[in-house]
Amino acid sequence: MPDPVDTVKYADCIIKRSDGELDARPLYDDMRMADMLECIGLGHHPRLAVESSYTASTDSWSIWTPDYRMVGSFGVAPSSKPNVGVAWLLGTYRIHLIKKTFVRHSKEWIERLMGDHECLTNLVCKENELSVRWLTWLGAVWTDVGIENYQQFTIYKQHLN
């Protein structure tokens, strides 16, 4: 059953269901360099990666400051494997403004994205230390994928609690 909540408000940010047509431009315009380089390293133009992240997703959310400046977006898309979701997060340089809220509430958002999936997965550049540290804290299991400087994370539903 879909979650009926479309907006969640915290003291330092607002998380709303994404509208890719409206949210892609402000995300791309201020995207963190680490996220841009990660997209490029996987052979995707960052603007196209942003757009396809929204369109491929079955569930996506955008994070805004209280004065509606883009902080980032995240979501989950179906995988070719049953019960596996492809999780993604792309941030702007403003993501540090919500660091405490982000960390405090990220596990509940991962649970929400998990939905009926048994696990969430994607690729991350090993040099994106902030993302690697955060995903490890969330319980990610790491796998070498044979792509230089990249590794695959998998977060299993059974390990979330």
N, C-alpha and C. Protein backbone atom coordinates (compact mmCIF):
# COMPACT_ATOMS: atom_id res chain seq x y z
N MET A 1 0.84 -1.19 0.00
CA MET A 1 0.00 0.00 0.00
C MET A 1 0.88 1.24 0.00
N PRO A 2 0.66 2.20 -0.91
CA PRO A 2 1.49 3.38 -0.98
C PRO A 2 1.36 4.23 0.28
N ASP A 3 2.44 4.92 0.59
CA ASP A 3 2.46 5.82 1.74
C ASP A 3 1.69 7.08 1.37
N PRO A 4 0.68 7.47 2.14
CA PRO A 4 -0.14 8.63 1.77
C PRO A 4 0.55 9.97 2.04
N VAL A 5 1.66 9.98 2.77
CA VAL A 5 2.32 11.23 3.12
C VAL A 5 3.15 11.72 1.93
N ASP A 6 2.92 12.97 1.52
CA ASP A 6 3.67 13.54 0.41
C ASP A 6 4.70 14.57 0.85
N THR A 7 4.63 15.02 2.11
CA THR A 7 5.55 16.03 2.62
C THR A 7 5.87 15.73 4.07
N VAL A 8 7.17 15.80 4.39
CA VAL A 8 7.63 15.64 5.77
C VAL A 8 8.46 16.87 6.10
N LYS A 9 8.12 17.53 7.21
CA LYS A 9 8.83 18.75 7.59
C LYS A 9 9.69 18.50 8.81
N TYR A 10 10.93 18.96 8.72
CA TYR A 10 11.87 18.96 9.84
C TYR A 10 12.25 20.41 10.09
N ALA A 11 12.97 20.67 11.16
CA ALA A 11 13.33 22.05 11.50
C ALA A 11 14.17 22.71 10.41
N ASP A 12 15.06 21.95 9.76
CA ASP A 12 15.99 22.55 8.81
C ASP A 12 15.73 22.17 7.35
N CYS A 13 14.70 21.36 7.09
CA CYS A 13 14.42 21.00 5.71
C CYS A 13 13.01 20.46 5.55
N ILE A 14 12.60 20.37 4.30
CA ILE A 14 11.31 19.82 3.93
C ILE A 14 11.59 18.74 2.89
N ILE A 15 11.02 17.57 3.07
CA ILE A 15 11.17 16.48 2.11
C ILE A 15 9.81 16.24 1.48
N LYS A 16 9.78 16.39 0.15
CA LYS A 16 8.52 16.26 -0.60
C LYS A 16 8.71 15.23 -1.71
N ARG A 17 7.60 14.59 -2.06
CA ARG A 17 7.67 13.71 -3.22
C ARG A 17 8.19 14.52 -4.40
N SER A 18 9.07 13.89 -5.17
CA SER A 18 9.70 14.59 -6.28
C SER A 18 8.76 14.77 -7.46
N ASP A 19 9.00 15.85 -8.15
CA ASP A 19 8.43 16.08 -9.47
C ASP A 19 9.64 16.27 -10.37
N GLY A 20 10.05 15.20 -11.05
CA GLY A 20 11.27 15.22 -11.84
C GLY A 20 11.34 16.37 -12.83
N GLU A 21 10.22 16.73 -13.43
CA GLU A 21 10.23 17.83 -14.40
C GLU A 21 10.59 19.15 -13.75
N LEU A 22 10.19 19.34 -12.51
CA LEU A 22 10.49 20.59 -11.81
C LEU A 22 11.78 20.51 -10.98
N ASP A 23 12.10 19.33 -10.46
CA ASP A 23 13.21 19.20 -9.52
C ASP A 23 14.56 18.93 -10.19
N ALA A 24 14.56 18.41 -11.41
CA ALA A 24 15.82 18.04 -12.06
C ALA A 24 16.75 19.23 -12.25
N ARG A 25 16.22 20.34 -12.70
CA ARG A 25 17.07 21.51 -13.00
C ARG A 25 17.76 22.06 -11.76
N PRO A 26 17.04 22.35 -10.65
CA PRO A 26 17.75 22.87 -9.48
C PRO A 26 18.73 21.86 -8.87
N LEU A 27 18.45 20.58 -9.01
CA LEU A 27 19.39 19.58 -8.51
C LEU A 27 20.66 19.59 -9.35
N TYR A 28 20.50 19.54 -10.66
CA TYR A 28 21.65 19.53 -11.55
C TYR A 28 22.47 20.82 -11.43
N ASP A 29 21.81 21.95 -11.34
CA ASP A 29 22.51 23.24 -11.29
C ASP A 29 23.46 23.36 -10.10
N ASP A 30 23.13 22.74 -8.97
CA ASP A 30 23.94 22.88 -7.76
C ASP A 30 24.49 21.54 -7.24
N MET A 31 24.57 20.53 -8.10
CA MET A 31 24.97 19.20 -7.66
C MET A 31 26.41 19.19 -7.13
N ARG A 32 26.59 18.40 -6.05
CA ARG A 32 27.91 18.23 -5.46
C ARG A 32 28.87 17.68 -6.51
N MET A 33 30.12 18.17 -6.46
CA MET A 33 31.12 17.71 -7.41
C MET A 33 31.33 16.19 -7.30
N ALA A 34 31.32 15.65 -6.08
CA ALA A 34 31.50 14.20 -5.91
C ALA A 34 30.42 13.42 -6.64
N ASP A 35 29.18 13.92 -6.61
CA ASP A 35 28.09 13.23 -7.31
C ASP A 35 28.23 13.37 -8.82
N MET A 36 28.64 14.55 -9.28
CA MET A 36 28.87 14.74 -10.72
C MET A 36 29.96 13.80 -11.23
N LEU A 37 31.06 13.75 -10.49
CA LEU A 37 32.18 12.90 -10.90
C LEU A 37 31.79 11.42 -10.89
N GLU A 38 30.95 11.04 -9.93
CA GLU A 38 30.48 9.66 -9.87
C GLU A 38 29.67 9.31 -11.13
N CYS A 39 28.80 10.20 -11.53
CA CYS A 39 28.00 9.98 -12.75
C CYS A 39 28.91 9.87 -13.97
N ILE A 40 29.84 10.80 -14.08
CA ILE A 40 30.75 10.81 -15.23
C ILE A 40 31.59 9.54 -15.24
N GLY A 41 32.08 9.11 -14.07
CA GLY A 41 32.89 7.90 -13.97
C GLY A 41 32.16 6.66 -14.43
N LEU A 42 30.84 6.68 -14.33
CA LEU A 42 30.03 5.53 -14.78
C LEU A 42 29.53 5.72 -16.21
N GLY A 43 30.03 6.77 -16.88
CA GLY A 43 29.71 6.98 -18.28
C GLY A 43 28.42 7.72 -18.55
N HIS A 44 27.92 8.46 -17.54
CA HIS A 44 26.67 9.19 -17.71
C HIS A 44 26.91 10.69 -17.56
N HIS A 45 26.29 11.47 -18.42
CA HIS A 45 26.32 12.92 -18.22
C HIS A 45 25.49 13.21 -16.97
N PRO A 46 25.98 14.03 -16.06
CA PRO A 46 25.24 14.28 -14.81
C PRO A 46 23.80 14.76 -15.02
N ARG A 47 23.56 15.61 -16.02
CA ARG A 47 22.19 16.09 -16.25
C ARG A 47 21.28 14.93 -16.65
N LEU A 48 21.78 14.06 -17.52
CA LEU A 48 20.98 12.90 -17.94
C LEU A 48 20.81 11.91 -16.80
N ALA A 49 21.83 11.77 -15.96
CA ALA A 49 21.72 10.88 -14.80
C ALA A 49 20.64 11.38 -13.84
N VAL A 50 20.58 12.70 -13.64
CA VAL A 50 19.55 13.28 -12.78
C VAL A 50 18.17 12.99 -13.36
N GLU A 51 18.00 13.31 -14.63
CA GLU A 51 16.69 13.12 -15.27
C GLU A 51 16.26 11.66 -15.25
N SER A 52 17.19 10.74 -15.57
CA SER A 52 16.81 9.33 -15.62
C SER A 52 16.57 8.76 -14.22
N SER A 53 17.23 9.33 -13.21
CA SER A 53 16.96 8.88 -11.84
C SER A 53 15.50 9.12 -11.47
N TYR A 54 15.00 10.29 -11.80
CA TYR A 54 13.59 10.58 -11.52
C TYR A 54 12.66 9.70 -12.35
N THR A 55 12.92 9.59 -13.65
CA THR A 55 11.97 8.87 -14.51
C THR A 55 11.96 7.37 -14.25
N ALA A 56 13.09 6.80 -13.85
CA ALA A 56 13.16 5.36 -13.59
C ALA A 56 12.58 4.98 -12.23
N SER A 57 12.44 5.95 -11.35
CA SER A 57 12.06 5.66 -9.96
C SER A 57 10.59 5.34 -9.79
N THR A 58 10.34 4.40 -8.90
CA THR A 58 8.98 4.11 -8.48
C THR A 58 8.62 4.96 -7.26
N ASP A 59 9.63 5.50 -6.60
CA ASP A 59 9.44 6.34 -5.42
C ASP A 59 10.63 7.29 -5.35
N SER A 60 10.38 8.60 -5.35
CA SER A 60 11.48 9.55 -5.24
C SER A 60 11.04 10.78 -4.45
N TRP A 61 12.01 11.35 -3.78
CA TRP A 61 11.78 12.47 -2.87
C TRP A 61 12.83 13.54 -3.09
N SER A 62 12.44 14.78 -2.88
CA SER A 62 13.38 15.90 -2.97
C SER A 62 13.43 16.61 -1.62
N ILE A 63 14.64 17.02 -1.28
CA ILE A 63 14.90 17.70 0.00
C ILE A 63 15.11 19.18 -0.30
N TRP A 64 14.41 20.02 0.44
CA TRP A 64 14.48 21.47 0.24
C TRP A 64 14.79 22.16 1.56
N THR A 65 15.46 23.29 1.50
CA THR A 65 15.62 24.12 2.69
C THR A 65 14.25 24.74 2.97
N PRO A 66 14.04 25.28 4.17
CA PRO A 66 12.75 25.92 4.46
C PRO A 66 12.40 27.06 3.49
N ASP A 67 13.43 27.68 2.88
CA ASP A 67 13.15 28.74 1.90
C ASP A 67 13.21 28.19 0.46
N TYR A 68 13.03 26.88 0.32
CA TYR A 68 12.89 26.18 -0.94
C TYR A 68 14.10 26.31 -1.88
N ARG A 69 15.28 26.03 -1.33
CA ARG A 69 16.47 25.85 -2.14
C ARG A 69 16.78 24.35 -2.12
N MET A 70 17.09 23.80 -3.27
CA MET A 70 17.31 22.35 -3.40
C MET A 70 18.51 21.89 -2.57
N VAL A 71 18.30 20.83 -1.80
CA VAL A 71 19.36 20.19 -1.03
C VAL A 71 19.77 18.88 -1.70
N GLY A 72 18.82 18.15 -2.23
CA GLY A 72 19.12 16.89 -2.90
C GLY A 72 17.85 16.12 -3.19
N SER A 73 18.03 14.98 -3.83
CA SER A 73 16.92 14.08 -4.12
C SER A 73 17.40 12.65 -3.96
N PHE A 74 16.45 11.77 -3.68
CA PHE A 74 16.76 10.36 -3.53
C PHE A 74 15.55 9.55 -3.94
N GLY A 75 15.80 8.28 -4.22
CA GLY A 75 14.70 7.43 -4.62
C GLY A 75 15.12 6.00 -4.82
N VAL A 76 14.19 5.23 -5.36
CA VAL A 76 14.45 3.82 -5.65
C VAL A 76 13.78 3.47 -6.98
N ALA A 77 14.53 2.73 -7.78
CA ALA A 77 14.04 2.27 -9.08
C ALA A 77 14.06 0.75 -9.09
N PRO A 78 13.24 0.15 -9.93
CA PRO A 78 13.26 -1.31 -10.01
C PRO A 78 14.56 -1.80 -10.65
N SER A 79 14.94 -3.01 -10.27
CA SER A 79 16.13 -3.66 -10.82
C SER A 79 15.67 -4.78 -11.74
N SER A 80 16.60 -5.32 -12.50
CA SER A 80 16.27 -6.48 -13.34
C SER A 80 16.09 -7.73 -12.49
N LYS A 81 16.57 -7.67 -11.24
CA LYS A 81 16.42 -8.80 -10.33
C LYS A 81 15.16 -8.60 -9.48
N PRO A 82 14.39 -9.66 -9.28
CA PRO A 82 13.18 -9.52 -8.46
C PRO A 82 13.53 -9.16 -7.01
N ASN A 83 12.69 -8.33 -6.42
CA ASN A 83 12.81 -7.93 -5.01
C ASN A 83 14.06 -7.12 -4.70
N VAL A 84 14.71 -6.56 -5.72
CA VAL A 84 15.90 -5.73 -5.53
C VAL A 84 15.59 -4.33 -6.06
N GLY A 85 15.83 -3.32 -5.23
CA GLY A 85 15.64 -1.94 -5.66
C GLY A 85 16.97 -1.26 -5.87
N VAL A 86 17.02 -0.36 -6.82
CA VAL A 86 18.23 0.42 -7.08
C VAL A 86 18.03 1.78 -6.41
N ALA A 87 18.73 1.97 -5.29
CA ALA A 87 18.61 3.22 -4.52
C ALA A 87 19.58 4.25 -5.07
N TRP A 88 19.16 5.51 -5.01
CA TRP A 88 20.04 6.59 -5.45
C TRP A 88 19.84 7.81 -4.57
N LEU A 89 20.88 8.61 -4.49
CA LEU A 89 20.87 9.88 -3.77
C LEU A 89 21.82 10.81 -4.49
N LEU A 90 21.34 11.96 -4.86
CA LEU A 90 22.18 13.00 -5.46
C LEU A 90 21.96 14.27 -4.66
N GLY A 91 23.06 14.89 -4.24
CA GLY A 91 22.94 16.06 -3.39
C GLY A 91 23.55 17.30 -4.01
N THR A 92 23.14 18.43 -3.47
CA THR A 92 23.75 19.71 -3.84
C THR A 92 24.77 20.06 -2.77
N TYR A 93 25.48 21.16 -3.00
CA TYR A 93 26.46 21.59 -2.02
C TYR A 93 25.79 22.04 -0.71
N ARG A 94 24.47 22.13 -0.67
CA ARG A 94 23.76 22.52 0.55
C ARG A 94 23.52 21.35 1.51
N ILE A 95 23.88 20.14 1.12
CA ILE A 95 23.55 18.98 1.94
C ILE A 95 24.16 19.09 3.34
N HIS A 96 25.28 19.78 3.47
CA HIS A 96 25.89 19.95 4.81
C HIS A 96 24.99 20.75 5.75
N LEU A 97 24.07 21.53 5.21
CA LEU A 97 23.19 22.35 6.04
C LEU A 97 22.20 21.51 6.85
N ILE A 98 21.97 20.28 6.41
CA ILE A 98 20.99 19.42 7.09
C ILE A 98 21.66 18.15 7.63
N LYS A 99 22.95 18.20 7.87
CA LYS A 99 23.73 17.02 8.24
C LYS A 99 23.12 16.24 9.40
N LYS A 100 22.75 16.92 10.48
CA LYS A 100 22.21 16.21 11.64
C LYS A 100 20.87 15.56 11.33
N THR A 101 19.99 16.27 10.67
CA THR A 101 18.68 15.73 10.30
C THR A 101 18.86 14.56 9.34
N PHE A 102 19.75 14.73 8.38
CA PHE A 102 20.02 13.68 7.40
C PHE A 102 20.44 12.38 8.08
N VAL A 103 21.42 12.47 8.96
CA VAL A 103 21.90 11.27 9.64
C VAL A 103 20.83 10.70 10.57
N ARG A 104 20.19 11.56 11.34
CA ARG A 104 19.19 11.13 12.32
C ARG A 104 18.03 10.37 11.69
N HIS A 105 17.62 10.78 10.49
CA HIS A 105 16.42 10.20 9.88
C HIS A 105 16.70 9.30 8.67
N SER A 106 17.94 9.11 8.31
CA SER A 106 18.23 8.36 7.08
C SER A 106 17.80 6.90 7.17
N LYS A 107 17.92 6.27 8.33
CA LYS A 107 17.51 4.86 8.42
C LYS A 107 16.01 4.70 8.19
N GLU A 108 15.21 5.62 8.71
CA GLU A 108 13.77 5.49 8.47
C GLU A 108 13.42 5.72 7.01
N TRP A 109 14.17 6.59 6.33
CA TRP A 109 13.93 6.81 4.90
C TRP A 109 14.38 5.60 4.08
N ILE A 110 15.46 4.96 4.49
CA ILE A 110 15.89 3.73 3.81
C ILE A 110 14.81 2.66 3.97
N GLU A 111 14.25 2.54 5.17
CA GLU A 111 13.17 1.57 5.39
C GLU A 111 11.97 1.89 4.49
N ARG A 112 11.67 3.17 4.34
CA ARG A 112 10.55 3.58 3.48
C ARG A 112 10.83 3.21 2.02
N LEU A 113 12.06 3.47 1.56
CA LEU A 113 12.43 3.13 0.18
C LEU A 113 12.46 1.62 -0.03
N MET A 114 12.83 0.89 1.02
CA MET A 114 12.94 -0.56 0.92
C MET A 114 11.60 -1.15 0.50
N GLY A 115 10.51 -0.65 1.08
CA GLY A 115 9.19 -1.15 0.71
C GLY A 115 9.14 -2.66 0.71
N ASP A 116 8.74 -3.25 -0.42
CA ASP A 116 8.65 -4.70 -0.56
C ASP A 116 9.94 -5.34 -1.05
N HIS A 117 10.97 -4.52 -1.29
CA HIS A 117 12.25 -5.07 -1.76
C HIS A 117 12.94 -5.81 -0.62
N GLU A 118 13.69 -6.83 -0.96
CA GLU A 118 14.51 -7.53 0.03
C GLU A 118 15.81 -6.79 0.30
N CYS A 119 16.26 -6.00 -0.70
CA CYS A 119 17.48 -5.22 -0.53
C CYS A 119 17.49 -4.04 -1.50
N LEU A 120 18.36 -3.09 -1.19
CA LEU A 120 18.61 -1.94 -2.05
C LEU A 120 20.08 -1.98 -2.44
N THR A 121 20.39 -1.58 -3.66
CA THR A 121 21.76 -1.65 -4.14
C THR A 121 22.05 -0.54 -5.13
N ASN A 122 23.32 -0.28 -5.37
CA ASN A 122 23.80 0.62 -6.42
C ASN A 122 25.32 0.63 -6.37
N LEU A 123 25.91 1.40 -7.26
CA LEU A 123 27.36 1.55 -7.31
C LEU A 123 27.77 2.89 -6.71
N VAL A 124 28.94 2.90 -6.06
CA VAL A 124 29.48 4.12 -5.46
C VAL A 124 30.97 4.18 -5.76
N CYS A 125 31.44 5.36 -6.05
CA CYS A 125 32.87 5.57 -6.24
C CYS A 125 33.57 5.43 -4.88
N LYS A 126 34.64 4.66 -4.84
CA LYS A 126 35.37 4.45 -3.59
C LYS A 126 35.91 5.76 -3.03
N GLU A 127 36.17 6.73 -3.89
CA GLU A 127 36.71 8.02 -3.47
C GLU A 127 35.65 8.94 -2.87
N ASN A 128 34.39 8.59 -3.02
CA ASN A 128 33.31 9.37 -2.44
C ASN A 128 33.18 8.95 -0.96
N GLU A 129 34.17 9.35 -0.18
CA GLU A 129 34.33 8.88 1.20
C GLU A 129 33.12 9.16 2.08
N LEU A 130 32.49 10.30 1.91
CA LEU A 130 31.33 10.64 2.71
C LEU A 130 30.19 9.64 2.46
N SER A 131 29.93 9.33 1.20
CA SER A 131 28.87 8.37 0.88
C SER A 131 29.23 6.97 1.35
N VAL A 132 30.48 6.56 1.18
CA VAL A 132 30.90 5.23 1.61
C VAL A 132 30.75 5.09 3.12
N ARG A 133 31.16 6.11 3.86
CA ARG A 133 31.05 6.07 5.33
C ARG A 133 29.59 6.01 5.77
N TRP A 134 28.73 6.81 5.14
CA TRP A 134 27.31 6.83 5.49
C TRP A 134 26.65 5.50 5.17
N LEU A 135 26.91 4.96 3.98
CA LEU A 135 26.31 3.69 3.59
C LEU A 135 26.79 2.55 4.49
N THR A 136 28.05 2.58 4.88
CA THR A 136 28.57 1.57 5.80
C THR A 136 27.85 1.66 7.14
N TRP A 137 27.63 2.88 7.62
CA TRP A 137 26.89 3.10 8.87
C TRP A 137 25.47 2.56 8.77
N LEU A 138 24.88 2.64 7.58
CA LEU A 138 23.53 2.11 7.35
C LEU A 138 23.50 0.58 7.31
N GLY A 139 24.67 -0.05 7.25
CA GLY A 139 24.74 -1.50 7.22
C GLY A 139 25.02 -2.09 5.85
N ALA A 140 25.51 -1.26 4.93
CA ALA A 140 25.79 -1.75 3.59
C ALA A 140 26.86 -2.84 3.59
N VAL A 141 26.66 -3.80 2.72
CA VAL A 141 27.65 -4.83 2.43
C VAL A 141 28.27 -4.45 1.10
N TRP A 142 29.60 -4.53 1.00
CA TRP A 142 30.32 -4.06 -0.19
C TRP A 142 30.82 -5.21 -1.04
N THR A 143 30.72 -5.01 -2.37
CA THR A 143 31.16 -6.01 -3.34
C THR A 143 31.96 -5.33 -4.43
N ASP A 144 33.06 -5.95 -4.82
CA ASP A 144 33.84 -5.46 -5.95
C ASP A 144 33.09 -5.80 -7.23
N VAL A 145 33.00 -4.84 -8.15
CA VAL A 145 32.24 -5.06 -9.38
C VAL A 145 33.13 -5.06 -10.62
N GLY A 146 34.43 -4.94 -10.42
CA GLY A 146 35.34 -4.96 -11.55
C GLY A 146 35.39 -3.67 -12.35
N ILE A 147 34.83 -2.60 -11.80
CA ILE A 147 34.93 -1.28 -12.42
C ILE A 147 35.90 -0.48 -11.55
N GLU A 148 36.96 0.01 -12.17
CA GLU A 148 37.99 0.70 -11.41
C GLU A 148 37.41 1.84 -10.58
N ASN A 149 37.77 1.87 -9.30
CA ASN A 149 37.36 2.88 -8.32
C ASN A 149 35.88 2.81 -7.90
N TYR A 150 35.17 1.77 -8.32
CA TYR A 150 33.76 1.64 -7.94
C TYR A 150 33.52 0.34 -7.19
N GLN A 151 32.54 0.38 -6.32
CA GLN A 151 32.10 -0.81 -5.61
C GLN A 151 30.58 -0.78 -5.49
N GLN A 152 30.01 -1.94 -5.31
CA GLN A 152 28.56 -2.04 -5.18
C GLN A 152 28.22 -2.17 -3.70
N PHE A 153 27.21 -1.40 -3.28
CA PHE A 153 26.69 -1.58 -1.93
C PHE A 153 25.36 -2.31 -2.01
N THR A 154 25.08 -3.07 -0.98
CA THR A 154 23.77 -3.70 -0.84
C THR A 154 23.35 -3.55 0.62
N ILE A 155 22.15 -3.03 0.81
CA ILE A 155 21.56 -2.92 2.15
C ILE A 155 20.39 -3.89 2.19
N TYR A 156 20.47 -4.84 3.11
CA TYR A 156 19.45 -5.87 3.23
C TYR A 156 18.40 -5.47 4.25
N LYS A 157 17.14 -5.72 3.89
CA LYS A 157 16.01 -5.41 4.79
C LYS A 157 16.21 -6.06 6.15
N GLN A 158 16.65 -7.29 6.19
CA GLN A 158 16.80 -8.02 7.46
C GLN A 158 17.86 -7.41 8.38
N HIS A 159 18.74 -6.56 7.83
CA HIS A 159 19.79 -5.95 8.65
C HIS A 159 19.46 -4.53 9.10
N LEU A 160 18.29 -4.03 8.76
CA LEU A 160 17.94 -2.64 9.08
C LEU A 160 17.66 -2.42 10.56
N ASN A 161 17.17 -3.37 11.26
CA ASN A 161 16.79 -3.14 12.66
C ASN A 161 17.92 -3.28 13.60
